[in-house]
Each structure stands twice: as structure tokens, then as C-alpha cells.
Amino acid sequence: MEAVKILEKPTTINWDYDEEADVLYLSIGEPQPAVGMDIGEGVILRYDEARKEVVGLTLIGLRARLLKGLAGNH
């Protein structure tokens, strides 16, 4: 299996939150077309196949995760 590049150099992280869908989109650099891979527990890894480079993450159910985590810390 080939290695996938992950943050080889400092870069900007862009984000967008869809409150209605409760989804957080994180992009390494400017958002770009990418292949998505479900890596479990509501996390989608987005990567550029040609460059073998991770270009972002999508986190599904962010609000519920945060509330669950905060409730567990009391």
C-alpha cells in the first residue's frame, strides 16, 4: 500500500459548518475536489488520488459528539 501524505508542510486549514446538517467540513488549503473514504464513526477522509495527499476531513454529527463528550466530563 502506498503512503498517503498528511500535512507535510504548514498550511491553512479552512472550515465550514453546516448547522442544519450538523456537519463540519475541514479542508487543508483551499477546498478542492477529492475522493471520500468513510473511516468510521462519522468521519470521512478526503484525499487527492493523483497526489496521494489528504486534502480534508468531513465530520458528521459534530454537535452530538461535542454534547456527548461534554456530558461525559461531568
PDB file of N, CA and C in Angstrom:
ATOM      1  N   MET A   1       0.832  -1.176   0.000  1.00  0.00           N
ATOM      2  CA  MET A   1       0.000   0.000   0.000  1.00  0.00           C
ATOM      3  C   MET A   1       0.881   1.244   0.000  1.00  0.00           C
ATOM      4  N   GLU A   2       0.545   2.194  -0.859  1.00  0.00           N
ATOM      5  CA  GLU A   2       1.323   3.422  -0.946  1.00  0.00           C
ATOM      6  C   GLU A   2       1.041   4.341   0.232  1.00  0.00           C
ATOM      7  N   ALA A   3       2.048   5.113   0.603  1.00  0.00           N
ATOM      8  CA  ALA A   3       1.879   6.081   1.686  1.00  0.00           C
ATOM      9  C   ALA A   3       1.016   7.247   1.210  1.00  0.00           C
ATOM     10  N   VAL A   4       0.264   7.804   2.123  1.00  0.00           N
ATOM     11  CA  VAL A   4      -0.552   8.977   1.846  1.00  0.00           C
ATOM     12  C   VAL A   4       0.071  10.150   2.590  1.00  0.00           C
ATOM     13  N   LYS A   5       0.262  11.275   1.894  1.00  0.00           N
ATOM     14  CA  LYS A   5       0.849  12.461   2.519  1.00  0.00           C
ATOM     15  C   LYS A   5      -0.177  13.137   3.421  1.00  0.00           C
ATOM     16  N   ILE A   6       0.258  13.496   4.617  1.00  0.00           N
ATOM     17  CA  ILE A   6      -0.598  14.199   5.563  1.00  0.00           C
ATOM     18  C   ILE A   6       0.184  15.376   6.140  1.00  0.00           C
ATOM     19  N   LEU A   7      -0.221  16.580   5.792  1.00  0.00           N
ATOM     20  CA  LEU A   7       0.378  17.805   6.327  1.00  0.00           C
ATOM     21  C   LEU A   7       1.901  17.788   6.312  1.00  0.00           C
ATOM     22  N   GLU A   8       2.469  17.682   5.132  1.00  0.00           N
ATOM     23  CA  GLU A   8       3.921  17.681   5.025  1.00  0.00           C
ATOM     24  C   GLU A   8       4.529  19.045   5.302  1.00  0.00           C
ATOM     25  N   LYS A   9       3.759  20.094   5.096  1.00  0.00           N
ATOM     26  CA  LYS A   9       4.263  21.443   5.326  1.00  0.00           C
ATOM     27  C   LYS A   9       3.157  22.274   5.961  1.00  0.00           C
ATOM     28  N   PRO A  10       3.516  23.352   6.655  1.00  0.00           N
ATOM     29  CA  PRO A  10       2.486  24.202   7.254  1.00  0.00           C
ATOM     30  C   PRO A  10       1.540  24.735   6.175  1.00  0.00           C
ATOM     31  N   THR A  11       0.275  24.733   6.479  1.00  0.00           N
ATOM     32  CA  THR A  11      -0.712  25.209   5.520  1.00  0.00           C
ATOM     33  C   THR A  11      -1.935  25.722   6.269  1.00  0.00           C
ATOM     34  N   THR A  12      -2.812  26.343   5.540  1.00  0.00           N
ATOM     35  CA  THR A  12      -4.035  26.879   6.122  1.00  0.00           C
ATOM     36  C   THR A  12      -5.105  25.799   6.192  1.00  0.00           C
ATOM     37  N   ILE A  13      -5.823  25.765   7.291  1.00  0.00           N
ATOM     38  CA  ILE A  13      -6.968  24.868   7.425  1.00  0.00           C
ATOM     39  C   ILE A  13      -8.223  25.727   7.270  1.00  0.00           C
ATOM     40  N   ASN A  14      -9.025  25.435   6.264  1.00  0.00           N
ATOM     41  CA  ASN A  14     -10.296  26.117   6.045  1.00  0.00           C
ATOM     42  C   ASN A  14     -11.402  25.227   6.572  1.00  0.00           C
ATOM     43  N   TRP A  15     -12.458  25.844   7.079  1.00  0.00           N
ATOM     44  CA  TRP A  15     -13.562  25.047   7.602  1.00  0.00           C
ATOM     45  C   TRP A  15     -14.890  25.699   7.281  1.00  0.00           C
ATOM     46  N   ASP A  16     -15.907  24.865   7.262  1.00  0.00           N
ATOM     47  CA  ASP A  16     -17.279  25.317   7.052  1.00  0.00           C
ATOM     48  C   ASP A  16     -18.172  24.381   7.854  1.00  0.00           C
ATOM     49  N   TYR A  17     -19.115  24.952   8.591  1.00  0.00           N
ATOM     50  CA  TYR A  17     -20.022  24.147   9.399  1.00  0.00           C
ATOM     51  C   TYR A  17     -21.432  24.315   8.873  1.00  0.00           C
ATOM     52  N   ASP A  18     -22.091  23.212   8.553  1.00  0.00           N
ATOM     53  CA  ASP A  18     -23.488  23.203   8.120  1.00  0.00           C
ATOM     54  C   ASP A  18     -24.320  22.892   9.358  1.00  0.00           C
ATOM     55  N   GLU A  19     -24.888  23.942   9.955  1.00  0.00           N
ATOM     56  CA  GLU A  19     -25.619  23.776  11.213  1.00  0.00           C
ATOM     57  C   GLU A  19     -26.840  22.885  11.050  1.00  0.00           C
ATOM     58  N   GLU A  20     -27.550  23.049   9.940  1.00  0.00           N
ATOM     59  CA  GLU A  20     -28.758  22.246   9.722  1.00  0.00           C
ATOM     60  C   GLU A  20     -28.441  20.754   9.633  1.00  0.00           C
ATOM     61  N   ALA A  21     -27.376  20.420   8.917  1.00  0.00           N
ATOM     62  CA  ALA A  21     -26.990  19.016   8.748  1.00  0.00           C
ATOM     63  C   ALA A  21     -26.076  18.530   9.878  1.00  0.00           C
ATOM     64  N   ASP A  22     -25.544  19.459  10.693  1.00  0.00           N
ATOM     65  CA  ASP A  22     -24.602  19.143  11.765  1.00  0.00           C
ATOM     66  C   ASP A  22     -23.360  18.440  11.215  1.00  0.00           C
ATOM     67  N   VAL A  23     -22.754  19.102  10.215  1.00  0.00           N
ATOM     68  CA  VAL A  23     -21.570  18.548   9.559  1.00  0.00           C
ATOM     69  C   VAL A  23     -20.484  19.622   9.508  1.00  0.00           C
ATOM     70  N   LEU A  24     -19.267  19.256   9.917  1.00  0.00           N
ATOM     71  CA  LEU A  24     -18.113  20.142   9.833  1.00  0.00           C
ATOM     72  C   LEU A  24     -17.220  19.668   8.694  1.00  0.00           C
ATOM     73  N   TYR A  25     -16.905  20.597   7.797  1.00  0.00           N
ATOM     74  CA  TYR A  25     -16.023  20.306   6.666  1.00  0.00           C
ATOM     75  C   TYR A  25     -14.688  20.993   6.930  1.00  0.00           C
ATOM     76  N   LEU A  26     -13.606  20.239   6.951  1.00  0.00           N
ATOM     77  CA  LEU A  26     -12.258  20.775   7.126  1.00  0.00           C
ATOM     78  C   LEU A  26     -11.480  20.536   5.842  1.00  0.00           C
ATOM     79  N   SER A  27     -10.844  21.595   5.333  1.00  0.00           N
ATOM     80  CA  SER A  27     -10.036  21.470   4.122  1.00  0.00           C
ATOM     81  C   SER A  27      -8.624  21.936   4.418  1.00  0.00           C
ATOM     82  N   ILE A  28      -7.652  21.180   3.969  1.00  0.00           N
ATOM     83  CA  ILE A  28      -6.257  21.561   4.094  1.00  0.00           C
ATOM     84  C   ILE A  28      -5.957  22.407   2.867  1.00  0.00           C
ATOM     85  N   GLY A  29      -5.759  23.703   3.086  1.00  0.00           N
ATOM     86  CA  GLY A  29      -5.651  24.634   1.968  1.00  0.00           C
ATOM     87  C   GLY A  29      -7.049  24.942   1.448  1.00  0.00           C
ATOM     88  N   GLU A  30      -7.132  25.406   0.224  1.00  0.00           N
ATOM     89  CA  GLU A  30      -8.427  25.724  -0.375  1.00  0.00           C
ATOM     90  C   GLU A  30      -9.202  24.436  -0.646  1.00  0.00           C
ATOM     91  N   PRO A  31     -10.537  24.462  -0.437  1.00  0.00           N
ATOM     92  CA  PRO A  31     -11.339  23.275  -0.755  1.00  0.00           C
ATOM     93  C   PRO A  31     -11.145  22.867  -2.216  1.00  0.00           C
ATOM     94  N   GLN A  32     -11.114  21.570  -2.450  1.00  0.00           N
ATOM     95  CA  GLN A  32     -10.902  21.060  -3.806  1.00  0.00           C
ATOM     96  C   GLN A  32     -11.609  19.720  -3.975  1.00  0.00           C
ATOM     97  N   PRO A  33     -11.860  19.341  -5.215  1.00  0.00           N
ATOM     98  CA  PRO A  33     -12.481  18.030  -5.442  1.00  0.00           C
ATOM     99  C   PRO A  33     -11.588  16.930  -4.871  1.00  0.00           C
ATOM    100  N   ALA A  34     -12.223  15.908  -4.312  1.00  0.00           N
ATOM    101  CA  ALA A  34     -11.459  14.832  -3.688  1.00  0.00           C
ATOM    102  C   ALA A  34     -12.302  13.573  -3.617  1.00  0.00           C
ATOM    103  N   VAL A  35     -11.628  12.471  -3.415  1.00  0.00           N
ATOM    104  CA  VAL A  35     -12.291  11.193  -3.195  1.00  0.00           C
ATOM    105  C   VAL A  35     -12.527  11.072  -1.693  1.00  0.00           C
ATOM    106  N   GLY A  36     -13.711  10.616  -1.309  1.00  0.00           N
ATOM    107  CA  GLY A  36     -14.015  10.455   0.106  1.00  0.00           C
ATOM    108  C   GLY A  36     -13.951   8.996   0.521  1.00  0.00           C
ATOM    109  N   MET A  37     -13.403   8.756   1.710  1.00  0.00           N
ATOM    110  CA  MET A  37     -13.338   7.405   2.258  1.00  0.00           C
ATOM    111  C   MET A  37     -13.893   7.442   3.678  1.00  0.00           C
ATOM    112  N   ASP A  38     -14.932   6.674   3.931  1.00  0.00           N
ATOM    113  CA  ASP A  38     -15.529   6.595   5.262  1.00  0.00           C
ATOM    114  C   ASP A  38     -14.585   5.796   6.148  1.00  0.00           C
ATOM    115  N   ILE A  39     -14.008   6.456   7.148  1.00  0.00           N
ATOM    116  CA  ILE A  39     -13.075   5.756   8.033  1.00  0.00           C
ATOM    117  C   ILE A  39     -13.729   5.402   9.366  1.00  0.00           C
ATOM    118  N   GLY A  40     -15.039   5.554   9.420  1.00  0.00           N
ATOM    119  CA  GLY A  40     -15.794   5.116  10.589  1.00  0.00           C
ATOM    120  C   GLY A  40     -16.191   6.233  11.530  1.00  0.00           C
ATOM    121  N   GLU A  41     -17.225   5.959  12.301  1.00  0.00           N
ATOM    122  CA  GLU A  41     -17.727   6.853  13.332  1.00  0.00           C
ATOM    123  C   GLU A  41     -18.025   8.255  12.815  1.00  0.00           C
ATOM    124  N   GLY A  42     -18.561   8.345  11.601  1.00  0.00           N
ATOM    125  CA  GLY A  42     -18.968   9.633  11.054  1.00  0.00           C
ATOM    126  C   GLY A  42     -17.842  10.505  10.550  1.00  0.00           C
ATOM    127  N   VAL A  43     -16.693   9.915  10.256  1.00  0.00           N
ATOM    128  CA  VAL A  43     -15.553  10.675   9.746  1.00  0.00           C
ATOM    129  C   VAL A  43     -15.268  10.232   8.310  1.00  0.00           C
ATOM    130  N   ILE A  44     -15.250  11.218   7.417  1.00  0.00           N
ATOM    131  CA  ILE A  44     -14.933  10.957   6.014  1.00  0.00           C
ATOM    132  C   ILE A  44     -13.585  11.605   5.717  1.00  0.00           C
ATOM    133  N   LEU A  45     -12.623  10.816   5.286  1.00  0.00           N
ATOM    134  CA  LEU A  45     -11.311  11.305   4.887  1.00  0.00           C
ATOM    135  C   LEU A  45     -11.398  11.695   3.420  1.00  0.00           C
ATOM    136  N   ARG A  46     -10.939  12.891   3.070  1.00  0.00           N
ATOM    137  CA  ARG A  46     -10.950  13.324   1.672  1.00  0.00           C
ATOM    138  C   ARG A  46      -9.506  13.415   1.186  1.00  0.00           C
ATOM    139  N   TYR A  47      -9.250  12.780   0.043  1.00  0.00           N
ATOM    140  CA  TYR A  47      -7.881  12.810  -0.460  1.00  0.00           C
ATOM    141  C   TYR A  47      -7.840  12.926  -1.971  1.00  0.00           C
ATOM    142  N   ASP A  48      -6.718  13.468  -2.432  1.00  0.00           N
ATOM    143  CA  ASP A  48      -6.440  13.641  -3.854  1.00  0.00           C
ATOM    144  C   ASP A  48      -5.705  12.383  -4.308  1.00  0.00           C
ATOM    145  N   GLU A  49      -6.356  11.591  -5.150  1.00  0.00           N
ATOM    146  CA  GLU A  49      -5.752  10.322  -5.599  1.00  0.00           C
ATOM    147  C   GLU A  49      -4.485  10.533  -6.408  1.00  0.00           C
ATOM    148  N   ALA A  50      -4.455  11.553  -7.254  1.00  0.00           N
ATOM    149  CA  ALA A  50      -3.294  11.776  -8.116  1.00  0.00           C
ATOM    150  C   ALA A  50      -2.048  12.105  -7.297  1.00  0.00           C
ATOM    151  N   ARG A  51      -2.208  12.929  -6.277  1.00  0.00           N
ATOM    152  CA  ARG A  51      -1.064  13.333  -5.452  1.00  0.00           C
ATOM    153  C   ARG A  51      -0.876  12.453  -4.223  1.00  0.00           C
ATOM    154  N   LYS A  52      -1.836  11.526  -3.983  1.00  0.00           N
ATOM    155  CA  LYS A  52      -1.797  10.665  -2.786  1.00  0.00           C
ATOM    156  C   LYS A  52      -1.652  11.530  -1.534  1.00  0.00           C
ATOM    157  N   GLU A  53      -2.538  12.521  -1.435  1.00  0.00           N
ATOM    158  CA  GLU A  53      -2.435  13.503  -0.368  1.00  0.00           C
ATOM    159  C   GLU A  53      -3.801  13.754   0.272  1.00  0.00           C
ATOM    160  N   VAL A  54      -3.845  13.745   1.598  1.00  0.00           N
ATOM    161  CA  VAL A  54      -5.074  14.080   2.312  1.00  0.00           C
ATOM    162  C   VAL A  54      -5.339  15.567   2.113  1.00  0.00           C
ATOM    163  N   VAL A  55      -6.577  15.899   1.708  1.00  0.00           N
ATOM    164  CA  VAL A  55      -6.932  17.298   1.475  1.00  0.00           C
ATOM    165  C   VAL A  55      -8.042  17.775   2.399  1.00  0.00           C
ATOM    166  N   GLY A  56      -8.568  16.877   3.244  1.00  0.00           N
ATOM    167  CA  GLY A  56      -9.591  17.322   4.179  1.00  0.00           C
ATOM    168  C   GLY A  56     -10.270  16.197   4.922  1.00  0.00           C
ATOM    169  N   LEU A  57     -11.160  16.607   5.818  1.00  0.00           N
ATOM    170  CA  LEU A  57     -11.978  15.686   6.607  1.00  0.00           C
ATOM    171  C   LEU A  57     -13.392  16.239   6.672  1.00  0.00           C
ATOM    172  N   THR A  58     -14.351  15.357   6.750  1.00  0.00           N
ATOM    173  CA  THR A  58     -15.737  15.727   6.985  1.00  0.00           C
ATOM    174  C   THR A  58     -16.166  15.008   8.255  1.00  0.00           C
ATOM    175  N   LEU A  59     -16.680  15.770   9.218  1.00  0.00           N
ATOM    176  CA  LEU A  59     -17.117  15.200  10.495  1.00  0.00           C
ATOM    177  C   LEU A  59     -18.629  15.306  10.589  1.00  0.00           C
ATOM    178  N   ILE A  60     -19.299  14.177  10.555  1.00  0.00           N
ATOM    179  CA  ILE A  60     -20.756  14.122  10.590  1.00  0.00           C
ATOM    180  C   ILE A  60     -21.223  14.000  12.039  1.00  0.00           C
ATOM    181  N   GLY A  61     -22.237  14.784  12.405  1.00  0.00           N
ATOM    182  CA  GLY A  61     -22.783  14.724  13.763  1.00  0.00           C
ATOM    183  C   GLY A  61     -21.910  15.417  14.790  1.00  0.00           C
ATOM    184  N   LEU A  62     -21.298  16.520  14.419  1.00  0.00           N
ATOM    185  CA  LEU A  62     -20.360  17.200  15.320  1.00  0.00           C
ATOM    186  C   LEU A  62     -21.023  17.668  16.611  1.00  0.00           C
ATOM    187  N   ARG A  63     -22.181  18.298  16.521  1.00  0.00           N
ATOM    188  CA  ARG A  63     -22.866  18.814  17.715  1.00  0.00           C
ATOM    189  C   ARG A  63     -23.127  17.681  18.709  1.00  0.00           C
ATOM    190  N   ALA A  64     -23.650  16.577  18.214  1.00  0.00           N
ATOM    191  CA  ALA A  64     -23.942  15.433  19.079  1.00  0.00           C
ATOM    192  C   ALA A  64     -22.663  14.897  19.731  1.00  0.00           C
ATOM    193  N   ARG A  65     -21.572  14.861  18.996  1.00  0.00           N
ATOM    194  CA  ARG A  65     -20.293  14.394  19.551  1.00  0.00           C
ATOM    195  C   ARG A  65     -19.820  15.299  20.681  1.00  0.00           C
ATOM    196  N   LEU A  66     -19.897  16.618  20.431  1.00  0.00           N
ATOM    197  CA  LEU A  66     -19.452  17.569  21.447  1.00  0.00           C
ATOM    198  C   LEU A  66     -20.306  17.478  22.704  1.00  0.00           C
ATOM    199  N   LEU A  67     -21.612  17.419  22.527  1.00  0.00           N
ATOM    200  CA  LEU A  67     -22.500  17.323  23.687  1.00  0.00           C
ATOM    201  C   LEU A  67     -22.261  16.035  24.467  1.00  0.00           C
ATOM    202  N   LYS A  68     -22.053  14.946  23.755  1.00  0.00           N
ATOM    203  CA  LYS A  68     -21.782  13.667  24.414  1.00  0.00           C
ATOM    204  C   LYS A  68     -20.462  13.739  25.186  1.00  0.00           C
ATOM    205  N   GLY A  69     -19.451  14.323  24.563  1.00  0.00           N
ATOM    206  CA  GLY A  69     -18.154  14.456  25.216  1.00  0.00           C
ATOM    207  C   GLY A  69     -18.210  15.346  26.440  1.00  0.00           C
ATOM    208  N   LEU A  70     -18.929  16.457  26.335  1.00  0.00           N
ATOM    209  CA  LEU A  70     -19.056  17.368  27.470  1.00  0.00           C
ATOM    210  C   LEU A  70     -19.852  16.734  28.605  1.00  0.00           C
ATOM    211  N   ALA A  71     -20.884  15.993  28.272  1.00  0.00           N
ATOM    212  CA  ALA A  71     -21.702  15.330  29.295  1.00  0.00           C
ATOM    213  C   ALA A  71     -20.885  14.271  30.030  1.00  0.00           C
ATOM    214  N   GLY A  72     -19.959  13.642  29.324  1.00  0.00           N
ATOM    215  CA  GLY A  72     -19.130  12.602  29.931  1.00  0.00           C
ATOM    216  C   GLY A  72     -18.067  13.147  30.861  1.00  0.00           C
ATOM    217  N   ASN A  73     -17.807  14.452  30.794  1.00  0.00           N
ATOM    218  CA  ASN A  73     -16.765  15.067  31.621  1.00  0.00           C
ATOM    219  C   ASN A  73     -17.303  15.655  32.916  1.00  0.00           C
ATOM    220  N   HIS A  74     -18.554  15.399  33.242  1.00  0.00           N
ATOM    221  CA  HIS A  74     -19.140  15.952  34.474  1.00  0.00           C
ATOM    222  C   HIS A  74     -19.242  14.903  35.532  1.00  0.00           C
TER     223      HIS A  74
END
